[in-house]
Amino acid sequence: MRHTIFRHFLLILLRNYIFGSLLAVFGVGALFMFTTIDVQLNETILLGKIICLSLLCMLSLESIVFSLMIRPIKRTFLNDQPSLHDLRLSYKQTHRLPILSVYRIFGPHLFGFSIPAMAMSYIYINNEMLPFPLYYVGIAFGASVLIAGMHAIIEFFLATKAIQPILVYIRDQSQNLYDVDFSHQSHIYISIQKKVLYSAIFIGIFPLLLFSLATHFRFTEASIPLLTEYWSWACYRFSCFDIICFLWCVFIVS
């Protein structure tokens, strides 16, 4: 039974990760790239090559981090009679898994993809294989941070739902084997109020910032001489919106 629970748990995490990654990289990221700049066929092939190679680097690095994250949980489920220390450690690690998923997205997931992508883009631009200015690389990194932020929020809530059967099993094991109830010792790593606040900020503000970057690309590609005026207007409007959104979120959760 425990093997089935753990296997189902891994399948859910894998499904969530594949869904979120495909949506973020090939959905939002590729859509952002190929719909905001005009590229020829050979340039599209090079950009696709950059995406695929960066994905391999990201997956290799992230698989190592993920295996370290679930190691205490895996040890509990592989052991017929885990010790109280292992049960307590796995229970705490399971509780931390949603916030660790956010750290994973902003760590190996983001930098495992963006650093190889920026390095290859820099080489191709310097060798005049891609006809883009170098500052596009910096803007693309900014866009990847915004996309990673939205991906992290999705991953957080999906992981929060996925860990429920694991917590129930570990708690039942501690009660049956050692007559200890971990539910009285559980620690809330992030409160409901903070969840609502962070979610509203990420989901409300980040898409607008991403849209602003896309608009910048389109203005540049179309040679529209309004970039200075656009960013002056956009920064003022977004500052006002950000302040209102933040104050509204604080009011809601207070």
C-alpha atoms as a PDB file:
ATOM      1  CA  MET A   1       0.000   0.000   0.000  1.00  0.00           C
ATOM      2  CA  ARG A   2       2.721   2.475   0.933  1.00  0.00           C
ATOM      3  CA  HIS A   3       4.495   1.864  -2.377  1.00  0.00           C
ATOM      4  CA  THR A   4       1.278   2.609  -4.238  1.00  0.00           C
ATOM      5  CA  ILE A   5       0.761   5.854  -2.294  1.00  0.00           C
ATOM      6  CA  PHE A   6       4.323   6.993  -2.909  1.00  0.00           C
ATOM      7  CA  ARG A   7       4.234   6.007  -6.587  1.00  0.00           C
ATOM      8  CA  HIS A   8       0.957   7.878  -7.062  1.00  0.00           C
ATOM      9  CA  PHE A   9       2.453  10.879  -5.283  1.00  0.00           C
ATOM     10  CA  LEU A  10       5.455  10.922  -7.632  1.00  0.00           C
ATOM     11  CA  LEU A  11       3.209  10.572 -10.680  1.00  0.00           C
ATOM     12  CA  ILE A  12       1.132  13.547  -9.541  1.00  0.00           C
ATOM     13  CA  LEU A  13       4.246  15.672  -8.962  1.00  0.00           C
ATOM     14  CA  LEU A  14       5.638  14.635 -12.343  1.00  0.00           C
ATOM     15  CA  ARG A  15       2.346  15.419 -14.067  1.00  0.00           C
ATOM     16  CA  ASN A  16       2.150  18.818 -12.377  1.00  0.00           C
ATOM     17  CA  TYR A  17       5.748  19.594 -13.276  1.00  0.00           C
ATOM     18  CA  ILE A  18       5.367  18.584 -16.933  1.00  0.00           C
ATOM     19  CA  PHE A  19       2.143  20.541 -17.248  1.00  0.00           C
ATOM     20  CA  GLY A  20       3.610  23.651 -15.620  1.00  0.00           C
ATOM     21  CA  SER A  21       6.901  23.469 -17.525  1.00  0.00           C
ATOM     22  CA  LEU A  22       5.289  22.926 -20.915  1.00  0.00           C
ATOM     23  CA  LEU A  23       2.860  25.747 -20.237  1.00  0.00           C
ATOM     24  CA  ALA A  24       5.625  28.088 -19.066  1.00  0.00           C
ATOM     25  CA  VAL A  25       8.392  27.242 -21.574  1.00  0.00           C
ATOM     26  CA  PHE A  26       6.567  26.215 -24.731  1.00  0.00           C
ATOM     27  CA  GLY A  27       3.325  28.028 -24.005  1.00  0.00           C
ATOM     28  CA  VAL A  28       4.086  31.446 -22.572  1.00  0.00           C
ATOM     29  CA  GLY A  29       7.843  31.519 -23.322  1.00  0.00           C
ATOM     30  CA  ALA A  30       7.785  30.339 -26.928  1.00  0.00           C
ATOM     31  CA  LEU A  31       4.643  32.378 -27.634  1.00  0.00           C
ATOM     32  CA  PHE A  32       6.353  35.447 -26.174  1.00  0.00           C
ATOM     33  CA  MET A  33       9.443  34.829 -28.310  1.00  0.00           C
ATOM     34  CA  PHE A  34       7.946  33.957 -31.680  1.00  0.00           C
ATOM     35  CA  THR A  35       5.033  36.421 -31.657  1.00  0.00           C
ATOM     36  CA  THR A  36       6.945  39.527 -30.597  1.00  0.00           C
ATOM     37  CA  ILE A  37       9.966  39.371 -32.925  1.00  0.00           C
ATOM     38  CA  ASP A  38      10.134  38.723 -36.665  1.00  0.00           C
ATOM     39  CA  VAL A  39      12.429  35.784 -37.416  1.00  0.00           C
ATOM     40  CA  GLN A  40      13.345  33.844 -40.540  1.00  0.00           C
ATOM     41  CA  LEU A  41      13.241  30.062 -40.820  1.00  0.00           C
ATOM     42  CA  ASN A  42      16.945  29.535 -40.066  1.00  0.00           C
ATOM     43  CA  GLU A  43      16.688  31.856 -37.054  1.00  0.00           C
ATOM     44  CA  THR A  44      13.629  29.936 -35.820  1.00  0.00           C
ATOM     45  CA  ILE A  45      15.652  26.714 -36.022  1.00  0.00           C
ATOM     46  CA  LEU A  46      18.467  28.295 -33.986  1.00  0.00           C
ATOM     47  CA  LEU A  47      16.022  29.576 -31.362  1.00  0.00           C
ATOM     48  CA  GLY A  48      14.398  26.142 -31.178  1.00  0.00           C
ATOM     49  CA  LYS A  49      17.851  24.605 -30.715  1.00  0.00           C
ATOM     50  CA  ILE A  50      18.572  27.032 -27.881  1.00  0.00           C
ATOM     51  CA  ILE A  51      15.285  26.140 -26.172  1.00  0.00           C
ATOM     52  CA  CYS A  52      15.807  22.365 -26.490  1.00  0.00           C
ATOM     53  CA  LEU A  53      19.430  22.373 -25.259  1.00  0.00           C
ATOM     54  CA  SER A  54      18.550  24.686 -22.376  1.00  0.00           C
ATOM     55  CA  LEU A  55      15.688  22.379 -21.456  1.00  0.00           C
ATOM     56  CA  LEU A  56      18.097  19.437 -21.228  1.00  0.00           C
ATOM     57  CA  CYS A  57      20.387  21.400 -18.905  1.00  0.00           C
ATOM     58  CA  MET A  58      17.432  22.483 -16.795  1.00  0.00           C
ATOM     59  CA  LEU A  59      16.004  18.973 -16.483  1.00  0.00           C
ATOM     60  CA  SER A  60      19.385  17.477 -15.563  1.00  0.00           C
ATOM     61  CA  LEU A  61      19.990  20.015 -12.797  1.00  0.00           C
ATOM     62  CA  GLU A  62      16.431  19.983 -11.536  1.00  0.00           C
ATOM     63  CA  SER A  63      16.235  16.186 -11.344  1.00  0.00           C
ATOM     64  CA  ILE A  64      19.209  16.225  -8.938  1.00  0.00           C
ATOM     65  CA  VAL A  65      17.580  18.876  -6.741  1.00  0.00           C
ATOM     66  CA  PHE A  66      14.224  17.096  -6.796  1.00  0.00           C
ATOM     67  CA  SER A  67      15.776  13.791  -5.721  1.00  0.00           C
ATOM     68  CA  LEU A  68      17.375  15.563  -2.761  1.00  0.00           C
ATOM     69  CA  MET A  69      14.065  17.194  -1.855  1.00  0.00           C
ATOM     70  CA  ILE A  70      12.119  13.934  -1.623  1.00  0.00           C
ATOM     71  CA  ARG A  71      14.923  11.777  -0.163  1.00  0.00           C
ATOM     72  CA  PRO A  72      13.599  11.872   3.455  1.00  0.00           C
ATOM     73  CA  ILE A  73      10.086  11.045   2.224  1.00  0.00           C
ATOM     74  CA  LYS A  74      11.330   8.238   0.006  1.00  0.00           C
ATOM     75  CA  ARG A  75      13.345   6.702   2.854  1.00  0.00           C
ATOM     76  CA  THR A  76      10.210   6.512   4.999  1.00  0.00           C
ATOM     77  CA  PHE A  77       8.165   4.802   2.304  1.00  0.00           C
ATOM     78  CA  LEU A  78      10.879   2.296   1.416  1.00  0.00           C
ATOM     79  CA  ASN A  79      11.331   1.181   5.016  1.00  0.00           C
ATOM     80  CA  ASP A  80       8.965  -1.439   6.471  1.00  0.00           C
ATOM     81  CA  GLN A  81       9.270   0.037   9.954  1.00  0.00           C
ATOM     82  CA  PRO A  82      10.762   3.543   9.799  1.00  0.00           C
ATOM     83  CA  SER A  83      12.185   5.093  12.921  1.00  0.00           C
ATOM     84  CA  LEU A  84      10.429   7.907  14.733  1.00  0.00           C
ATOM     85  CA  HIS A  85      13.210  10.254  13.633  1.00  0.00           C
ATOM     86  CA  ASP A  86      12.687   9.340   9.965  1.00  0.00           C
ATOM     87  CA  LEU A  87       8.940   9.773  10.286  1.00  0.00           C
ATOM     88  CA  ARG A  88       9.306  13.170  11.917  1.00  0.00           C
ATOM     89  CA  LEU A  89      11.861  14.284   9.326  1.00  0.00           C
ATOM     90  CA  SER A  90       9.730  13.134   6.396  1.00  0.00           C
ATOM     91  CA  TYR A  91       6.634  14.775   7.900  1.00  0.00           C
ATOM     92  CA  LYS A  92       8.427  18.112   8.175  1.00  0.00           C
ATOM     93  CA  GLN A  93       9.904  17.731   4.693  1.00  0.00           C
ATOM     94  CA  THR A  94       6.485  16.985   3.239  1.00  0.00           C
ATOM     95  CA  HIS A  95       5.080  20.117   4.865  1.00  0.00           C
ATOM     96  CA  ARG A  96       7.947  22.130   3.343  1.00  0.00           C
ATOM     97  CA  LEU A  97       7.554  20.628  -0.121  1.00  0.00           C
ATOM     98  CA  PRO A  98       5.293  23.378  -1.579  1.00  0.00           C
ATOM     99  CA  ILE A  99       7.664  26.177  -0.563  1.00  0.00           C
ATOM    100  CA  LEU A 100      10.634  24.061  -1.654  1.00  0.00           C
ATOM    101  CA  SER A 101       8.937  23.740  -5.039  1.00  0.00           C
ATOM    102  CA  VAL A 102       8.936  27.531  -5.289  1.00  0.00           C
ATOM    103  CA  TYR A 103      12.656  27.604  -4.417  1.00  0.00           C
ATOM    104  CA  ARG A 104      13.251  24.911  -7.038  1.00  0.00           C
ATOM    105  CA  ILE A 105      11.478  26.957  -9.711  1.00  0.00           C
ATOM    106  CA  PHE A 106      13.443  30.110  -8.876  1.00  0.00           C
ATOM    107  CA  GLY A 107      16.698  28.156  -8.538  1.00  0.00           C
ATOM    108  CA  PRO A 108      17.691  25.268 -10.809  1.00  0.00           C
ATOM    109  CA  HIS A 109      14.583  25.580 -12.963  1.00  0.00           C
ATOM    110  CA  LEU A 110      15.091  29.264 -13.798  1.00  0.00           C
ATOM    111  CA  PHE A 111      18.882  29.411 -13.930  1.00  0.00           C
ATOM    112  CA  GLY A 112      19.299  25.919 -15.366  1.00  0.00           C
ATOM    113  CA  PHE A 113      17.341  27.123 -18.385  1.00  0.00           C
ATOM    114  CA  SER A 114      18.214  30.814 -18.640  1.00  0.00           C
ATOM    115  CA  ILE A 115      22.006  30.657 -18.189  1.00  0.00           C
ATOM    116  CA  PRO A 116      22.609  28.167 -21.066  1.00  0.00           C
ATOM    117  CA  ALA A 117      20.043  30.036 -23.185  1.00  0.00           C
ATOM    118  CA  MET A 118      21.725  33.398 -22.574  1.00  0.00           C
ATOM    119  CA  ALA A 119      25.182  31.936 -23.225  1.00  0.00           C
ATOM    120  CA  MET A 120      24.145  30.365 -26.539  1.00  0.00           C
ATOM    121  CA  SER A 121      22.232  33.482 -27.576  1.00  0.00           C
ATOM    122  CA  TYR A 122      25.274  35.637 -26.823  1.00  0.00           C
ATOM    123  CA  ILE A 123      27.473  33.389 -28.972  1.00  0.00           C
ATOM    124  CA  TYR A 124      25.015  33.345 -31.875  1.00  0.00           C
ATOM    125  CA  ILE A 125      24.517  37.122 -31.764  1.00  0.00           C
ATOM    126  CA  ASN A 126      28.270  37.791 -31.615  1.00  0.00           C
ATOM    127  CA  ASN A 127      28.791  35.480 -34.598  1.00  0.00           C
ATOM    128  CA  GLU A 128      25.972  37.317 -36.434  1.00  0.00           C
ATOM    129  CA  MET A 129      23.903  34.149 -36.687  1.00  0.00           C
ATOM    130  CA  LEU A 130      21.025  35.908 -34.909  1.00  0.00           C
ATOM    131  CA  PRO A 131      20.266  39.501 -35.978  1.00  0.00           C
ATOM    132  CA  PHE A 132      19.269  40.784 -32.548  1.00  0.00           C
ATOM    133  CA  PRO A 133      20.848  43.446 -30.327  1.00  0.00           C
ATOM    134  CA  LEU A 134      22.609  42.089 -27.247  1.00  0.00           C
ATOM    135  CA  TYR A 135      20.243  43.808 -24.822  1.00  0.00           C
ATOM    136  CA  TYR A 136      17.515  41.427 -26.042  1.00  0.00           C
ATOM    137  CA  VAL A 137      19.272  38.756 -23.975  1.00  0.00           C
ATOM    138  CA  GLY A 138      18.773  40.797 -20.798  1.00  0.00           C
ATOM    139  CA  ILE A 139      15.130  41.491 -21.621  1.00  0.00           C
ATOM    140  CA  ALA A 140      14.573  37.790 -22.316  1.00  0.00           C
ATOM    141  CA  PHE A 141      16.026  36.958 -18.883  1.00  0.00           C
ATOM    142  CA  GLY A 142      13.649  39.454 -17.279  1.00  0.00           C
ATOM    143  CA  ALA A 143      10.753  37.799 -19.089  1.00  0.00           C
ATOM    144  CA  SER A 144      11.916  34.363 -17.904  1.00  0.00           C
ATOM    145  CA  VAL A 145      11.895  35.603 -14.282  1.00  0.00           C
ATOM    146  CA  LEU A 146       8.309  36.786 -14.707  1.00  0.00           C
ATOM    147  CA  ILE A 147       7.264  33.487 -16.280  1.00  0.00           C
ATOM    148  CA  ALA A 148       9.036  31.556 -13.506  1.00  0.00           C
ATOM    149  CA  GLY A 149       7.122  33.590 -10.924  1.00  0.00           C
ATOM    150  CA  MET A 150       3.774  32.617 -12.402  1.00  0.00           C
ATOM    151  CA  HIS A 151       4.951  29.001 -12.758  1.00  0.00           C
ATOM    152  CA  ALA A 152       6.085  28.951  -9.108  1.00  0.00           C
ATOM    153  CA  ILE A 153       2.644  30.015  -7.880  1.00  0.00           C
ATOM    154  CA  ILE A 154       0.977  27.248  -9.900  1.00  0.00           C
ATOM    155  CA  GLU A 155       3.519  24.689  -8.675  1.00  0.00           C
ATOM    156  CA  PHE A 156       3.019  25.790  -5.056  1.00  0.00           C
ATOM    157  CA  PHE A 157      -0.719  25.169  -5.006  1.00  0.00           C
ATOM    158  CA  LEU A 158      -0.478  21.923  -6.967  1.00  0.00           C
ATOM    159  CA  ALA A 159       2.156  20.620  -4.527  1.00  0.00           C
ATOM    160  CA  THR A 160       0.006  21.701  -1.577  1.00  0.00           C
ATOM    161  CA  LYS A 161      -2.783  19.484  -2.865  1.00  0.00           C
ATOM    162  CA  ALA A 162      -0.479  16.578  -3.775  1.00  0.00           C
ATOM    163  CA  ILE A 163       1.101  16.202  -0.312  1.00  0.00           C
ATOM    164  CA  GLN A 164      -2.170  15.546   1.557  1.00  0.00           C
ATOM    165  CA  PRO A 165      -2.167  11.702   1.219  1.00  0.00           C
ATOM    166  CA  ILE A 166       1.510  11.599   2.193  1.00  0.00           C
ATOM    167  CA  LEU A 167       0.894  13.574   5.369  1.00  0.00           C
ATOM    168  CA  VAL A 168      -2.022  11.310   6.310  1.00  0.00           C
ATOM    169  CA  TYR A 169       0.049   8.159   5.809  1.00  0.00           C
ATOM    170  CA  ILE A 170       3.051   9.419   7.814  1.00  0.00           C
ATOM    171  CA  ARG A 171       0.819  10.601  10.639  1.00  0.00           C
ATOM    172  CA  ASP A 172      -0.966   7.250  10.743  1.00  0.00           C
ATOM    173  CA  GLN A 173       2.367   5.429  10.822  1.00  0.00           C
ATOM    174  CA  SER A 174       3.644   7.525  13.718  1.00  0.00           C
ATOM    175  CA  GLN A 175       0.448   6.865  15.683  1.00  0.00           C
ATOM    176  CA  ASN A 176       0.393   3.129  14.979  1.00  0.00           C
ATOM    177  CA  LEU A 177       4.100   2.470  15.579  1.00  0.00           C
ATOM    178  CA  TYR A 178       5.033   4.992  18.272  1.00  0.00           C
ATOM    179  CA  ASP A 179       1.747   6.463  19.518  1.00  0.00           C
ATOM    180  CA  VAL A 180       2.897   9.947  18.465  1.00  0.00           C
ATOM    181  CA  ASP A 181       0.645  12.402  16.649  1.00  0.00           C
ATOM    182  CA  PHE A 182       2.644  14.726  14.414  1.00  0.00           C
ATOM    183  CA  SER A 183      -0.373  16.873  13.621  1.00  0.00           C
ATOM    184  CA  HIS A 184       0.060  18.588  16.998  1.00  0.00           C
ATOM    185  CA  GLN A 185       3.684  19.341  16.151  1.00  0.00           C
ATOM    186  CA  SER A 186       3.182  20.565  12.596  1.00  0.00           C
ATOM    187  CA  HIS A 187       4.551  23.950  11.667  1.00  0.00           C
ATOM    188  CA  ILE A 188       2.837  26.319   9.217  1.00  0.00           C
ATOM    189  CA  TYR A 189       5.606  27.454   6.873  1.00  0.00           C
ATOM    190  CA  ILE A 190       3.430  29.965   5.063  1.00  0.00           C
ATOM    191  CA  SER A 191       0.095  31.304   6.268  1.00  0.00           C
ATOM    192  CA  ILE A 192      -3.131  31.543   4.285  1.00  0.00           C
ATOM    193  CA  GLN A 193      -2.863  35.330   4.310  1.00  0.00           C
ATOM    194  CA  LYS A 194       0.585  35.246   2.744  1.00  0.00           C
ATOM    195  CA  LYS A 195      -0.566  32.722   0.155  1.00  0.00           C
ATOM    196  CA  VAL A 196      -3.347  35.054  -0.933  1.00  0.00           C
ATOM    197  CA  LEU A 197      -1.041  38.077  -0.897  1.00  0.00           C
ATOM    198  CA  TYR A 198       1.758  36.486  -2.939  1.00  0.00           C
ATOM    199  CA  SER A 199      -0.681  34.891  -5.374  1.00  0.00           C
ATOM    200  CA  ALA A 200      -2.478  38.158  -6.035  1.00  0.00           C
ATOM    201  CA  ILE A 201       0.797  40.028  -6.536  1.00  0.00           C
ATOM    202  CA  PHE A 202       2.291  37.437  -8.881  1.00  0.00           C
ATOM    203  CA  ILE A 203      -0.843  36.723 -10.885  1.00  0.00           C
ATOM    204  CA  GLY A 204      -2.006  40.351 -10.971  1.00  0.00           C
ATOM    205  CA  ILE A 205       1.253  42.155 -11.693  1.00  0.00           C
ATOM    206  CA  PHE A 206       3.558  39.756 -13.521  1.00  0.00           C
ATOM    207  CA  PRO A 207       1.365  39.258 -16.625  1.00  0.00           C
ATOM    208  CA  LEU A 208       1.163  43.039 -17.036  1.00  0.00           C
ATOM    209  CA  LEU A 209       4.947  43.362 -16.805  1.00  0.00           C
ATOM    210  CA  LEU A 210       5.321  40.541 -19.321  1.00  0.00           C
ATOM    211  CA  PHE A 211       2.903  42.303 -21.661  1.00  0.00           C
ATOM    212  CA  SER A 212       4.970  45.490 -21.318  1.00  0.00           C
ATOM    213  CA  LEU A 213       8.122  43.652 -22.385  1.00  0.00           C
ATOM    214  CA  ALA A 214       6.266  42.143 -25.351  1.00  0.00           C
ATOM    215  CA  THR A 215       5.053  45.616 -26.349  1.00  0.00           C
ATOM    216  CA  HIS A 216       8.641  46.893 -26.135  1.00  0.00           C
ATOM    217  CA  PHE A 217       9.757  44.153 -28.535  1.00  0.00           C
ATOM    218  CA  ARG A 218       6.982  44.975 -31.004  1.00  0.00           C
ATOM    219  CA  PHE A 219       7.756  48.690 -30.921  1.00  0.00           C
ATOM    220  CA  THR A 220      11.431  47.935 -31.536  1.00  0.00           C
ATOM    221  CA  GLU A 221      10.720  45.524 -34.397  1.00  0.00           C
ATOM    222  CA  ALA A 222       8.320  47.995 -36.034  1.00  0.00           C
ATOM    223  CA  SER A 223      10.787  50.913 -35.543  1.00  0.00           C
ATOM    224  CA  ILE A 224       8.163  52.968 -33.722  1.00  0.00           C
ATOM    225  CA  PRO A 225       9.926  56.000 -32.142  1.00  0.00           C
ATOM    226  CA  LEU A 226       7.818  56.020 -28.994  1.00  0.00           C
ATOM    227  CA  LEU A 227       9.835  53.828 -26.632  1.00  0.00           C
ATOM    228  CA  THR A 228      10.824  56.633 -24.238  1.00  0.00           C
ATOM    229  CA  GLU A 229       7.278  57.988 -24.083  1.00  0.00           C
ATOM    230  CA  TYR A 230       5.863  54.475 -23.756  1.00  0.00           C
ATOM    231  CA  TRP A 231       8.071  53.498 -20.815  1.00  0.00           C
ATOM    232  CA  SER A 232       7.464  56.837 -19.069  1.00  0.00           C
ATOM    233  CA  TRP A 233       3.733  56.252 -19.375  1.00  0.00           C
ATOM    234  CA  ALA A 234       3.976  52.534 -18.516  1.00  0.00           C
ATOM    235  CA  CYS A 235       6.167  53.031 -15.427  1.00  0.00           C
ATOM    236  CA  TYR A 236       3.801  55.665 -14.043  1.00  0.00           C
ATOM    237  CA  ARG A 237       0.703  53.562 -14.687  1.00  0.00           C
ATOM    238  CA  PHE A 238       2.251  50.347 -13.360  1.00  0.00           C
ATOM    239  CA  SER A 239       3.558  52.077 -10.233  1.00  0.00           C
ATOM    240  CA  CYS A 240       0.071  53.314  -9.450  1.00  0.00           C
ATOM    241  CA  PHE A 241      -1.440  49.910 -10.224  1.00  0.00           C
ATOM    242  CA  ASP A 242       1.178  48.062  -8.140  1.00  0.00           C
ATOM    243  CA  ILE A 243       0.569  50.284  -5.122  1.00  0.00           C
ATOM    244  CA  ILE A 244      -3.206  49.885  -5.400  1.00  0.00           C
ATOM    245  CA  CYS A 245      -2.907  46.115  -5.896  1.00  0.00           C
ATOM    246  CA  PHE A 246      -0.543  45.742  -2.931  1.00  0.00           C
ATOM    247  CA  LEU A 247      -2.720  47.835  -0.614  1.00  0.00           C
ATOM    248  CA  TRP A 248      -5.814  45.931  -1.726  1.00  0.00           C
ATOM    249  CA  CYS A 249      -4.107  42.578  -1.044  1.00  0.00           C
ATOM    250  CA  VAL A 250      -2.930  43.729   2.392  1.00  0.00           C
ATOM    251  CA  PHE A 251      -6.451  44.912   3.201  1.00  0.00           C
ATOM    252  CA  ILE A 252      -7.957  41.588   2.084  1.00  0.00           C
ATOM    253  CA  VAL A 253      -5.616  39.412   4.145  1.00  0.00           C
ATOM    254  CA  SER A 254      -5.466  41.615   7.248  1.00  0.00           C
END
